[in-house]
Amino acid sequence: MMIEEWGNKSPDELEQPKAILKSHKLVSLIEHAKIEATEGTCHRLQVGAVIVRSGRIISSGRNGAPSHLPHCNPTECAPGGPPCKRAVHAEANAIAFAARHGVATEGCAIVSTDSPCLDCARLVINAGIKAVYYSREYRDTKPLEELRLAGVYTQLV
């Protein structure tokens, strides 16, 4: 659907693109994302993500400081505290890892423990990822609306 065709439709009125992954495969992939999250170095929230092509993981990421920089410490990144200023989000890390190693993400799906923030949603769109699956919804649903407007399939698992 072209932007001109959207007119005054809300994201809920737009037709959702077709799912890429089967539900039986999603259970396993969510578990992989959860394992990835346990490796995260941000104490505020541990999030994991895997990028999938044809049901196979091609990249993964977790919340954490950029490579070779100090990790978050518990006093500055406490659960329920203000947003972390040091960590790179799981989705961004998964996309960056794929890009760094020359792995194309066009047409892939991303499976994450959490729905993306707005910045990560925009990275997902520009990376050509066609579906986002998540097990917890982020407090702000605008990123999901933006994904849908861009023709990206979204599903709470």
N, C-alpha and C. Protein backbone atom coordinates (compact mmCIF):
# COMPACT_ATOMS: atom_id res chain seq x y z
N MET A 1 0.85 -1.18 0.00
CA MET A 1 0.00 0.00 0.00
C MET A 1 0.89 1.24 0.00
N MET A 2 0.63 2.15 -0.88
CA MET A 2 1.40 3.38 -0.96
C MET A 2 0.89 4.38 0.07
N ILE A 3 1.75 5.31 0.44
CA ILE A 3 1.39 6.32 1.45
C ILE A 3 0.16 7.10 1.02
N GLU A 4 0.07 7.38 -0.28
CA GLU A 4 -1.07 8.16 -0.78
C GLU A 4 -2.39 7.44 -0.52
N GLU A 5 -2.36 6.10 -0.48
CA GLU A 5 -3.57 5.31 -0.28
C GLU A 5 -4.03 5.30 1.18
N TRP A 6 -3.15 5.68 2.10
CA TRP A 6 -3.51 5.63 3.51
C TRP A 6 -4.61 6.63 3.84
N GLY A 7 -4.52 7.79 3.20
CA GLY A 7 -5.51 8.82 3.46
C GLY A 7 -5.63 9.12 4.93
N ASN A 8 -6.85 9.09 5.44
CA ASN A 8 -7.10 9.38 6.84
C ASN A 8 -7.30 8.13 7.67
N LYS A 9 -6.84 6.98 7.20
CA LYS A 9 -7.03 5.74 7.94
C LYS A 9 -6.12 5.70 9.17
N SER A 10 -6.67 5.18 10.24
CA SER A 10 -5.85 4.96 11.44
C SER A 10 -5.08 3.66 11.25
N PRO A 11 -4.01 3.44 12.06
CA PRO A 11 -3.26 2.19 11.94
C PRO A 11 -4.14 0.96 12.14
N ASP A 12 -5.20 1.06 12.94
CA ASP A 12 -6.09 -0.07 13.18
C ASP A 12 -6.95 -0.41 11.96
N GLU A 13 -7.17 0.56 11.08
CA GLU A 13 -7.99 0.35 9.89
C GLU A 13 -7.19 -0.23 8.72
N LEU A 14 -5.86 -0.15 8.80
CA LEU A 14 -5.03 -0.68 7.73
C LEU A 14 -5.00 -2.19 7.78
N GLU A 15 -4.93 -2.80 6.63
CA GLU A 15 -4.85 -4.26 6.56
C GLU A 15 -3.48 -4.71 7.04
N GLN A 16 -3.46 -5.63 7.98
CA GLN A 16 -2.20 -6.15 8.53
C GLN A 16 -1.57 -7.10 7.50
N PRO A 17 -0.27 -6.92 7.19
CA PRO A 17 0.39 -7.86 6.28
C PRO A 17 0.37 -9.28 6.84
N LYS A 18 0.64 -10.23 5.99
CA LYS A 18 0.62 -11.64 6.36
C LYS A 18 1.78 -12.01 7.29
N ALA A 19 1.50 -12.88 8.26
CA ALA A 19 2.53 -13.37 9.18
C ALA A 19 3.59 -14.14 8.41
N ILE A 20 4.84 -14.08 8.88
CA ILE A 20 5.95 -14.77 8.25
C ILE A 20 6.23 -16.10 8.95
N LEU A 21 6.11 -16.14 10.27
CA LEU A 21 6.46 -17.33 11.04
C LEU A 21 5.23 -18.06 11.54
N LYS A 22 5.32 -19.37 11.62
CA LYS A 22 4.25 -20.21 12.16
C LYS A 22 4.29 -20.18 13.69
N SER A 23 3.14 -20.31 14.33
CA SER A 23 3.05 -20.18 15.78
C SER A 23 3.90 -21.22 16.53
N HIS A 24 4.01 -22.44 16.01
CA HIS A 24 4.80 -23.46 16.71
C HIS A 24 6.29 -23.08 16.73
N LYS A 25 6.76 -22.40 15.72
CA LYS A 25 8.16 -21.96 15.67
C LYS A 25 8.40 -20.76 16.58
N LEU A 26 7.38 -19.92 16.77
CA LEU A 26 7.52 -18.72 17.60
C LEU A 26 7.86 -19.05 19.04
N VAL A 27 7.30 -20.12 19.57
CA VAL A 27 7.57 -20.50 20.96
C VAL A 27 9.06 -20.71 21.17
N SER A 28 9.69 -21.43 20.28
CA SER A 28 11.13 -21.69 20.35
C SER A 28 11.93 -20.40 20.18
N LEU A 29 11.53 -19.56 19.25
CA LEU A 29 12.26 -18.33 18.99
C LEU A 29 12.15 -17.33 20.13
N ILE A 30 10.98 -17.26 20.77
CA ILE A 30 10.82 -16.41 21.95
C ILE A 30 11.75 -16.89 23.06
N GLU A 31 11.88 -18.19 23.22
CA GLU A 31 12.79 -18.74 24.23
C GLU A 31 14.24 -18.35 23.92
N HIS A 32 14.62 -18.36 22.65
CA HIS A 32 15.97 -17.91 22.26
C HIS A 32 16.16 -16.44 22.62
N ALA A 33 15.14 -15.62 22.36
CA ALA A 33 15.22 -14.19 22.69
C ALA A 33 15.35 -14.00 24.20
N LYS A 34 14.63 -14.81 24.98
CA LYS A 34 14.72 -14.72 26.44
C LYS A 34 16.11 -15.10 26.94
N ILE A 35 16.71 -16.11 26.32
CA ILE A 35 18.08 -16.50 26.69
C ILE A 35 19.04 -15.37 26.35
N GLU A 36 18.86 -14.77 25.19
CA GLU A 36 19.70 -13.64 24.78
C GLU A 36 19.56 -12.50 25.80
N ALA A 37 18.34 -12.26 26.28
CA ALA A 37 18.10 -11.19 27.25
C ALA A 37 18.89 -11.40 28.54
N THR A 38 19.08 -12.64 28.95
CA THR A 38 19.81 -12.90 30.20
C THR A 38 21.26 -12.46 30.10
N GLU A 39 21.77 -12.28 28.90
CA GLU A 39 23.15 -11.83 28.69
C GLU A 39 23.26 -10.30 28.66
N GLY A 40 22.13 -9.61 28.71
CA GLY A 40 22.13 -8.15 28.68
C GLY A 40 22.85 -7.57 29.89
N THR A 41 23.50 -6.44 29.67
CA THR A 41 24.28 -5.83 30.75
C THR A 41 23.60 -4.62 31.39
N CYS A 42 22.42 -4.24 30.93
CA CYS A 42 21.68 -3.15 31.53
C CYS A 42 20.83 -3.72 32.67
N HIS A 43 20.94 -3.10 33.84
CA HIS A 43 20.22 -3.60 35.02
C HIS A 43 18.75 -3.16 35.04
N ARG A 44 18.42 -2.13 34.28
CA ARG A 44 17.05 -1.60 34.31
C ARG A 44 16.06 -2.57 33.66
N LEU A 45 16.41 -3.07 32.48
CA LEU A 45 15.53 -3.98 31.77
C LEU A 45 16.36 -4.85 30.84
N GLN A 46 16.19 -6.14 30.94
CA GLN A 46 16.91 -7.05 30.06
C GLN A 46 15.98 -7.45 28.93
N VAL A 47 16.41 -7.14 27.71
CA VAL A 47 15.63 -7.43 26.51
C VAL A 47 16.53 -8.20 25.55
N GLY A 48 15.95 -9.18 24.88
CA GLY A 48 16.68 -9.94 23.87
C GLY A 48 15.90 -9.98 22.58
N ALA A 49 16.62 -10.09 21.46
CA ALA A 49 15.97 -10.14 20.16
C ALA A 49 16.77 -11.06 19.23
N VAL A 50 16.05 -11.75 18.36
CA VAL A 50 16.68 -12.56 17.32
C VAL A 50 16.07 -12.20 15.98
N ILE A 51 16.90 -12.12 14.96
CA ILE A 51 16.43 -11.88 13.60
C ILE A 51 16.41 -13.22 12.90
N VAL A 52 15.31 -13.48 12.21
CA VAL A 52 15.05 -14.81 11.66
C VAL A 52 14.76 -14.74 10.17
N ARG A 53 15.38 -15.66 9.42
CA ARG A 53 15.07 -15.84 8.01
C ARG A 53 14.72 -17.31 7.80
N SER A 54 13.58 -17.58 7.22
CA SER A 54 13.13 -18.96 6.95
C SER A 54 13.18 -19.82 8.22
N GLY A 55 12.79 -19.23 9.35
CA GLY A 55 12.73 -19.97 10.60
C GLY A 55 14.07 -20.18 11.29
N ARG A 56 15.15 -19.63 10.74
CA ARG A 56 16.48 -19.80 11.32
C ARG A 56 17.03 -18.47 11.80
N ILE A 57 17.67 -18.49 12.96
CA ILE A 57 18.25 -17.27 13.53
C ILE A 57 19.49 -16.89 12.73
N ILE A 58 19.53 -15.64 12.26
CA ILE A 58 20.69 -15.15 11.52
C ILE A 58 21.45 -14.07 12.29
N SER A 59 20.83 -13.51 13.33
CA SER A 59 21.48 -12.50 14.16
C SER A 59 20.74 -12.41 15.48
N SER A 60 21.42 -11.92 16.50
CA SER A 60 20.78 -11.74 17.79
C SER A 60 21.35 -10.50 18.48
N GLY A 61 20.63 -10.01 19.47
CA GLY A 61 21.09 -8.83 20.22
C GLY A 61 20.45 -8.78 21.58
N ARG A 62 21.05 -7.99 22.44
CA ARG A 62 20.57 -7.80 23.81
C ARG A 62 20.84 -6.36 24.22
N ASN A 63 20.15 -5.90 25.27
CA ASN A 63 20.42 -4.57 25.81
C ASN A 63 21.81 -4.56 26.41
N GLY A 64 22.58 -3.55 26.11
CA GLY A 64 23.90 -3.44 26.71
C GLY A 64 24.69 -2.29 26.14
N ALA A 65 25.77 -1.97 26.83
CA ALA A 65 26.65 -0.88 26.40
C ALA A 65 27.31 -1.24 25.07
N PRO A 66 27.68 -0.24 24.27
CA PRO A 66 28.39 -0.52 23.03
C PRO A 66 29.69 -1.28 23.32
N SER A 67 30.14 -2.03 22.32
CA SER A 67 31.37 -2.82 22.46
C SER A 67 32.53 -1.96 22.96
N HIS A 68 33.29 -2.52 23.87
CA HIS A 68 34.51 -1.91 24.41
C HIS A 68 34.27 -0.70 25.30
N LEU A 69 33.03 -0.46 25.69
CA LEU A 69 32.71 0.64 26.60
C LEU A 69 32.19 0.06 27.91
N PRO A 70 32.29 0.82 29.01
CA PRO A 70 31.84 0.31 30.31
C PRO A 70 30.36 -0.05 30.31
N HIS A 71 30.04 -1.12 31.02
CA HIS A 71 28.65 -1.54 31.16
C HIS A 71 27.93 -0.64 32.15
N CYS A 72 26.61 -0.73 32.15
CA CYS A 72 25.78 0.01 33.11
C CYS A 72 26.12 -0.46 34.51
N ASN A 73 25.90 0.42 35.48
CA ASN A 73 26.06 -0.03 36.86
C ASN A 73 24.70 0.02 37.55
N PRO A 74 24.51 -0.80 38.57
CA PRO A 74 23.19 -0.93 39.21
C PRO A 74 22.63 0.36 39.78
N THR A 75 23.46 1.31 40.16
CA THR A 75 22.92 2.55 40.73
C THR A 75 22.36 3.48 39.67
N GLU A 76 22.95 3.49 38.48
CA GLU A 76 22.44 4.38 37.43
C GLU A 76 21.34 3.74 36.60
N CYS A 77 21.25 2.42 36.61
CA CYS A 77 20.26 1.70 35.81
C CYS A 77 19.48 0.72 36.68
N ALA A 78 18.73 1.24 37.60
CA ALA A 78 17.95 0.39 38.50
C ALA A 78 16.60 0.06 37.87
N PRO A 79 16.09 -1.16 38.11
CA PRO A 79 14.75 -1.50 37.62
C PRO A 79 13.72 -0.47 38.09
N GLY A 80 12.89 0.00 37.18
CA GLY A 80 11.87 0.99 37.51
C GLY A 80 12.40 2.41 37.55
N GLY A 81 13.71 2.58 37.37
CA GLY A 81 14.32 3.91 37.41
C GLY A 81 14.20 4.61 36.07
N PRO A 82 14.91 5.73 35.94
CA PRO A 82 14.87 6.47 34.67
C PRO A 82 15.50 5.64 33.54
N PRO A 83 15.17 5.98 32.31
CA PRO A 83 15.73 5.24 31.18
C PRO A 83 17.26 5.26 31.20
N CYS A 84 17.84 4.16 30.76
CA CYS A 84 19.29 4.02 30.70
C CYS A 84 19.84 4.91 29.59
N LYS A 85 20.93 5.57 29.85
CA LYS A 85 21.56 6.44 28.84
C LYS A 85 22.76 5.77 28.18
N ARG A 86 23.12 4.56 28.64
CA ARG A 86 24.33 3.90 28.17
C ARG A 86 24.05 2.74 27.22
N ALA A 87 22.98 2.02 27.43
CA ALA A 87 22.73 0.78 26.69
C ALA A 87 22.20 1.02 25.28
N VAL A 88 22.60 0.14 24.37
CA VAL A 88 22.03 0.05 23.03
C VAL A 88 20.95 -1.01 23.11
N HIS A 89 19.80 -0.77 22.52
CA HIS A 89 18.68 -1.70 22.62
C HIS A 89 18.94 -2.99 21.86
N ALA A 90 18.25 -4.04 22.26
CA ALA A 90 18.44 -5.37 21.69
C ALA A 90 18.20 -5.41 20.18
N GLU A 91 17.12 -4.78 19.72
CA GLU A 91 16.81 -4.78 18.30
C GLU A 91 17.92 -4.08 17.50
N ALA A 92 18.38 -2.95 18.03
CA ALA A 92 19.45 -2.20 17.36
C ALA A 92 20.74 -3.02 17.33
N ASN A 93 21.05 -3.70 18.41
CA ASN A 93 22.25 -4.54 18.45
C ASN A 93 22.15 -5.70 17.46
N ALA A 94 20.97 -6.31 17.33
CA ALA A 94 20.80 -7.42 16.39
C ALA A 94 20.95 -6.92 14.95
N ILE A 95 20.38 -5.77 14.63
CA ILE A 95 20.49 -5.20 13.28
C ILE A 95 21.94 -4.79 13.00
N ALA A 96 22.59 -4.17 13.98
CA ALA A 96 23.98 -3.75 13.80
C ALA A 96 24.91 -4.94 13.60
N PHE A 97 24.69 -6.02 14.36
CA PHE A 97 25.53 -7.21 14.21
C PHE A 97 25.38 -7.79 12.80
N ALA A 98 24.15 -7.86 12.32
CA ALA A 98 23.92 -8.38 10.97
C ALA A 98 24.62 -7.49 9.94
N ALA A 99 24.47 -6.18 10.07
CA ALA A 99 25.08 -5.25 9.12
C ALA A 99 26.61 -5.35 9.16
N ARG A 100 27.17 -5.44 10.34
CA ARG A 100 28.62 -5.50 10.50
C ARG A 100 29.21 -6.74 9.83
N HIS A 101 28.43 -7.82 9.79
CA HIS A 101 28.92 -9.07 9.23
C HIS A 101 28.34 -9.36 7.84
N GLY A 102 27.72 -8.35 7.24
CA GLY A 102 27.23 -8.48 5.86
C GLY A 102 26.05 -9.41 5.70
N VAL A 103 25.22 -9.53 6.74
CA VAL A 103 24.05 -10.41 6.69
C VAL A 103 22.83 -9.54 6.38
N ALA A 104 22.19 -9.81 5.25
CA ALA A 104 21.03 -9.02 4.84
C ALA A 104 19.83 -9.33 5.73
N THR A 105 19.06 -8.30 6.08
CA THR A 105 17.87 -8.46 6.91
C THR A 105 16.58 -8.22 6.12
N GLU A 106 16.69 -7.91 4.85
CA GLU A 106 15.52 -7.67 3.99
C GLU A 106 14.60 -8.88 4.01
N GLY A 107 13.33 -8.66 4.34
CA GLY A 107 12.33 -9.73 4.33
C GLY A 107 12.34 -10.63 5.55
N CYS A 108 13.18 -10.34 6.51
CA CYS A 108 13.28 -11.18 7.72
C CYS A 108 12.20 -10.80 8.74
N ALA A 109 12.18 -11.56 9.83
CA ALA A 109 11.33 -11.26 10.98
C ALA A 109 12.26 -11.03 12.16
N ILE A 110 11.79 -10.27 13.14
CA ILE A 110 12.52 -10.10 14.39
C ILE A 110 11.60 -10.58 15.51
N VAL A 111 12.15 -11.38 16.40
CA VAL A 111 11.42 -11.91 17.54
C VAL A 111 12.09 -11.37 18.78
N SER A 112 11.32 -10.71 19.64
CA SER A 112 11.88 -10.02 20.79
C SER A 112 11.08 -10.29 22.05
N THR A 113 11.74 -10.12 23.17
CA THR A 113 11.04 -10.25 24.44
C THR A 113 10.07 -9.10 24.65
N ASP A 114 10.33 -7.95 24.04
CA ASP A 114 9.51 -6.75 24.22
C ASP A 114 9.23 -6.09 22.87
N SER A 115 8.09 -5.41 22.76
CA SER A 115 7.83 -4.66 21.54
C SER A 115 8.82 -3.49 21.49
N PRO A 116 9.16 -3.02 20.30
CA PRO A 116 10.22 -2.02 20.18
C PRO A 116 9.80 -0.61 20.59
N CYS A 117 10.82 0.17 20.98
CA CYS A 117 10.62 1.60 21.18
C CYS A 117 10.52 2.25 19.79
N LEU A 118 10.25 3.53 19.73
CA LEU A 118 10.08 4.21 18.44
C LEU A 118 11.36 4.19 17.61
N ASP A 119 12.51 4.45 18.23
CA ASP A 119 13.77 4.44 17.47
C ASP A 119 14.05 3.06 16.90
N CYS A 120 13.84 2.01 17.69
CA CYS A 120 14.08 0.65 17.20
C CYS A 120 13.06 0.26 16.13
N ALA A 121 11.81 0.71 16.27
CA ALA A 121 10.80 0.44 15.24
C ALA A 121 11.25 1.04 13.91
N ARG A 122 11.80 2.22 13.95
CA ARG A 122 12.25 2.87 12.72
C ARG A 122 13.47 2.15 12.13
N LEU A 123 14.35 1.64 12.98
CA LEU A 123 15.48 0.83 12.49
C LEU A 123 14.96 -0.44 11.82
N VAL A 124 13.97 -1.07 12.43
CA VAL A 124 13.36 -2.29 11.87
C VAL A 124 12.81 -2.00 10.48
N ILE A 125 12.10 -0.91 10.34
CA ILE A 125 11.52 -0.52 9.05
C ILE A 125 12.63 -0.33 8.02
N ASN A 126 13.66 0.44 8.37
CA ASN A 126 14.73 0.73 7.42
C ASN A 126 15.62 -0.47 7.13
N ALA A 127 15.63 -1.46 8.02
CA ALA A 127 16.40 -2.69 7.79
C ALA A 127 15.65 -3.65 6.86
N GLY A 128 14.42 -3.32 6.50
CA GLY A 128 13.64 -4.16 5.59
C GLY A 128 13.00 -5.36 6.26
N ILE A 129 12.97 -5.35 7.58
CA ILE A 129 12.34 -6.44 8.34
C ILE A 129 10.84 -6.35 8.14
N LYS A 130 10.19 -7.48 7.88
CA LYS A 130 8.78 -7.49 7.49
C LYS A 130 7.82 -7.92 8.60
N ALA A 131 8.35 -8.44 9.72
CA ALA A 131 7.46 -8.88 10.80
C ALA A 131 8.17 -8.70 12.14
N VAL A 132 7.39 -8.29 13.16
CA VAL A 132 7.89 -8.13 14.52
C VAL A 132 6.99 -8.94 15.45
N TYR A 133 7.59 -9.87 16.17
CA TYR A 133 6.89 -10.70 17.15
C TYR A 133 7.49 -10.37 18.51
N TYR A 134 6.64 -10.27 19.54
CA TYR A 134 7.13 -9.88 20.87
C TYR A 134 6.26 -10.53 21.94
N SER A 135 6.84 -10.69 23.15
CA SER A 135 6.07 -11.33 24.22
C SER A 135 5.58 -10.36 25.29
N ARG A 136 6.11 -9.13 25.32
CA ARG A 136 5.63 -8.09 26.24
C ARG A 136 5.47 -6.80 25.46
N GLU A 137 4.38 -6.08 25.75
CA GLU A 137 4.16 -4.82 25.05
C GLU A 137 4.81 -3.67 25.79
N TYR A 138 5.55 -2.84 25.06
CA TYR A 138 6.17 -1.62 25.58
C TYR A 138 5.06 -0.65 25.98
N ARG A 139 5.34 0.20 26.96
CA ARG A 139 4.30 1.11 27.49
C ARG A 139 3.75 2.07 26.43
N ASP A 140 4.54 2.39 25.43
CA ASP A 140 4.14 3.28 24.35
C ASP A 140 3.79 2.43 23.13
N THR A 141 2.57 2.55 22.64
CA THR A 141 2.16 1.73 21.49
C THR A 141 2.34 2.45 20.15
N LYS A 142 2.80 3.69 20.17
CA LYS A 142 3.05 4.43 18.92
C LYS A 142 4.03 3.70 18.01
N PRO A 143 5.08 3.07 18.54
CA PRO A 143 5.98 2.33 17.64
C PRO A 143 5.27 1.21 16.87
N LEU A 144 4.34 0.52 17.51
CA LEU A 144 3.59 -0.53 16.81
C LEU A 144 2.73 0.06 15.71
N GLU A 145 2.13 1.21 15.98
CA GLU A 145 1.33 1.89 14.97
C GLU A 145 2.20 2.28 13.77
N GLU A 146 3.39 2.79 14.05
CA GLU A 146 4.29 3.20 12.97
C GLU A 146 4.74 1.99 12.14
N LEU A 147 5.03 0.89 12.81
CA LEU A 147 5.39 -0.34 12.09
C LEU A 147 4.27 -0.75 11.15
N ARG A 148 3.05 -0.76 11.65
CA ARG A 148 1.89 -1.16 10.83
C ARG A 148 1.69 -0.22 9.64
N LEU A 149 1.88 1.08 9.90
CA LEU A 149 1.75 2.05 8.80
C LEU A 149 2.78 1.79 7.71
N ALA A 150 3.95 1.27 8.10
CA ALA A 150 5.01 0.99 7.14
C ALA A 150 4.85 -0.40 6.50
N GLY A 151 3.78 -1.11 6.87
CA GLY A 151 3.53 -2.42 6.26
C GLY A 151 4.25 -3.57 6.94
N VAL A 152 4.71 -3.35 8.18
CA VAL A 152 5.38 -4.40 8.93
C VAL A 152 4.33 -5.13 9.78
N TYR A 153 4.30 -6.45 9.68
CA TYR A 153 3.40 -7.28 10.47
C TYR A 153 3.84 -7.27 11.93
N THR A 154 2.90 -7.13 12.86
CA THR A 154 3.23 -7.17 14.29
C THR A 154 2.32 -8.17 14.99
N GLN A 155 2.89 -8.87 15.98
CA GLN A 155 2.10 -9.85 16.72
C GLN A 155 2.64 -10.04 18.13
N LEU A 156 1.73 -9.94 19.10
CA LEU A 156 2.04 -10.29 20.47
C LEU A 156 1.99 -11.82 20.56
N VAL A 157 3.02 -12.42 21.11
CA VAL A 157 3.09 -13.88 21.18
C VAL A 157 2.92 -14.31 22.63
